[in-house]
Amino acid sequence: MKHLPPTLREDQRYLKYRVHSEKDIEFSEVVEAIWEACLNFMGEKGASNADPWIMKNLYSYSDQVGVVKVNSQSVTDFRAALAFVDSFGSEKGFLTVEQVSGTVKSLEGVEN
């Protein structure tokens, strides 16, 4: 099966987010909160168009910082959806988007 050439691929953006909570939050709880907020705000079709990919290997448990890859056309909608995150499981908290970039390497403070 051939891959799509770069000119036909959809552009992606990487969002660096920070978890704000009194306790450290596990990655699985962050994923659940992001998906719930995304589906509630954007619906299933919008979430499908955004094509979010929450990167586990770039989540820092100690810093509570992670990266999400989304379609470039859906960045503003996805940022708005992240604003609706208000809890992680039973723990209260919220997410802030610190940086948006076209490449993972250009994100500051993220271990590649």
Protein backbone atom coordinates (compact mmCIF):
# COMPACT_ATOMS: atom_id res chain seq x y z
CA MET A 1 0.00 0.00 0.00
CA LYS A 2 1.45 3.36 -1.02
CA HIS A 3 1.58 6.33 1.33
CA LEU A 4 0.08 9.68 0.42
CA PRO A 5 2.60 12.20 -0.87
CA PRO A 6 3.19 15.19 1.44
CA THR A 7 1.22 17.52 -0.84
CA LEU A 8 -1.96 15.48 -0.33
CA ARG A 9 -1.62 15.01 3.45
CA GLU A 10 -3.55 17.19 5.85
CA ASP A 11 -1.49 19.66 7.87
CA GLN A 12 -1.09 18.91 11.57
CA ARG A 13 -0.46 21.13 14.58
CA TYR A 14 0.94 20.17 17.95
CA LEU A 15 -0.57 21.66 21.12
CA LYS A 16 1.50 21.67 24.28
CA TYR A 17 -0.81 21.60 27.30
CA ARG A 18 -0.26 21.84 31.05
CA VAL A 19 -2.42 20.16 33.69
CA HIS A 20 -3.28 22.36 36.69
CA SER A 21 -4.37 20.38 39.72
CA GLU A 22 -3.51 20.02 43.40
CA LYS A 23 -2.41 16.40 42.88
CA ASP A 24 -0.42 14.81 40.07
CA ILE A 25 -2.73 13.41 37.40
CA GLU A 26 -2.16 10.12 35.58
CA PHE A 27 -2.02 10.11 31.78
CA SER A 28 -5.12 7.90 31.48
CA GLU A 29 -7.19 10.43 33.43
CA VAL A 30 -5.97 13.24 31.17
CA VAL A 31 -6.92 11.25 28.07
CA GLU A 32 -10.42 10.57 29.40
CA ALA A 33 -10.95 14.24 30.29
CA ILE A 34 -9.73 15.47 26.89
CA TRP A 35 -11.91 13.02 24.96
CA GLU A 36 -14.97 13.79 27.06
CA ALA A 37 -14.55 17.55 26.59
CA CYS A 38 -13.85 17.13 22.87
CA LEU A 39 -16.92 14.99 22.27
CA ASN A 40 -19.17 17.22 24.36
CA PHE A 41 -18.05 20.43 22.65
CA MET A 42 -17.37 19.34 19.07
CA GLY A 43 -19.58 16.27 18.75
CA GLU A 44 -18.51 13.03 17.11
CA LYS A 45 -18.17 14.51 13.63
CA GLY A 46 -16.11 17.48 14.83
CA ALA A 47 -13.88 15.22 16.92
CA SER A 48 -13.40 12.98 13.91
CA ASN A 49 -12.44 15.95 11.72
CA ALA A 50 -10.01 17.23 14.36
CA ASP A 51 -8.31 13.82 14.40
CA PRO A 52 -6.70 14.31 17.84
CA TRP A 53 -3.75 12.16 18.84
CA ILE A 54 -2.80 12.43 22.52
CA MET A 55 0.88 11.48 22.66
CA LYS A 56 1.72 9.25 25.61
CA ASN A 57 5.47 9.26 25.06
CA LEU A 58 5.55 13.08 25.38
CA TYR A 59 3.57 13.28 28.65
CA SER A 60 5.70 14.35 31.60
CA TYR A 61 4.21 13.10 34.86
CA SER A 62 6.52 15.27 36.96
CA ASP A 63 5.85 18.51 35.03
CA GLN A 64 2.24 17.61 34.14
CA VAL A 65 2.89 18.68 30.53
CA GLY A 66 1.86 16.85 27.37
CA VAL A 67 1.31 17.17 23.62
CA VAL A 68 -1.76 16.63 21.43
CA LYS A 69 -1.59 16.44 17.64
CA VAL A 70 -4.64 17.83 15.82
CA ASN A 71 -5.67 18.78 12.30
CA SER A 72 -4.63 22.36 11.51
CA GLN A 73 -8.19 23.28 10.48
CA SER A 74 -9.52 22.34 13.94
CA VAL A 75 -7.00 24.01 16.25
CA THR A 76 -9.31 26.76 17.51
CA ASP A 77 -12.22 24.37 18.12
CA PHE A 78 -9.96 21.92 19.91
CA ARG A 79 -8.48 24.67 22.11
CA ALA A 80 -12.02 25.71 23.03
CA ALA A 81 -12.88 22.10 23.88
CA LEU A 82 -9.84 21.89 26.18
CA ALA A 83 -11.11 24.95 28.04
CA PHE A 84 -14.11 22.89 29.18
CA VAL A 85 -11.97 20.34 31.05
CA ASP A 86 -12.75 20.91 34.73
CA SER A 87 -11.88 17.60 36.39
CA PHE A 88 -9.74 14.50 36.01
CA GLY A 89 -11.62 11.57 37.44
CA SER A 90 -12.56 12.71 40.95
CA GLU A 91 -9.85 15.39 41.12
CA LYS A 92 -10.68 19.00 40.22
CA GLY A 93 -8.38 20.74 37.76
CA PHE A 94 -8.06 22.28 34.32
CA LEU A 95 -5.87 22.38 31.21
CA THR A 96 -4.14 25.31 29.57
CA VAL A 97 -2.63 25.33 26.09
CA GLU A 98 0.86 26.80 26.37
CA GLN A 99 2.07 26.58 22.80
CA VAL A 100 0.94 25.60 19.31
CA SER A 101 3.48 24.54 16.71
CA GLY A 102 3.80 22.83 13.36
CA THR A 103 6.53 20.48 14.62
CA VAL A 104 7.16 18.64 17.87
CA LYS A 105 10.82 19.69 17.89
CA SER A 106 9.97 23.38 18.11
CA LEU A 107 7.87 22.93 21.28
CA GLU A 108 9.81 24.26 24.27
CA GLY A 109 10.38 21.97 27.22
CA VAL A 110 9.11 18.76 25.60
CA GLU A 111 11.40 15.76 25.61
CA ASN A 112 11.52 14.10 22.18
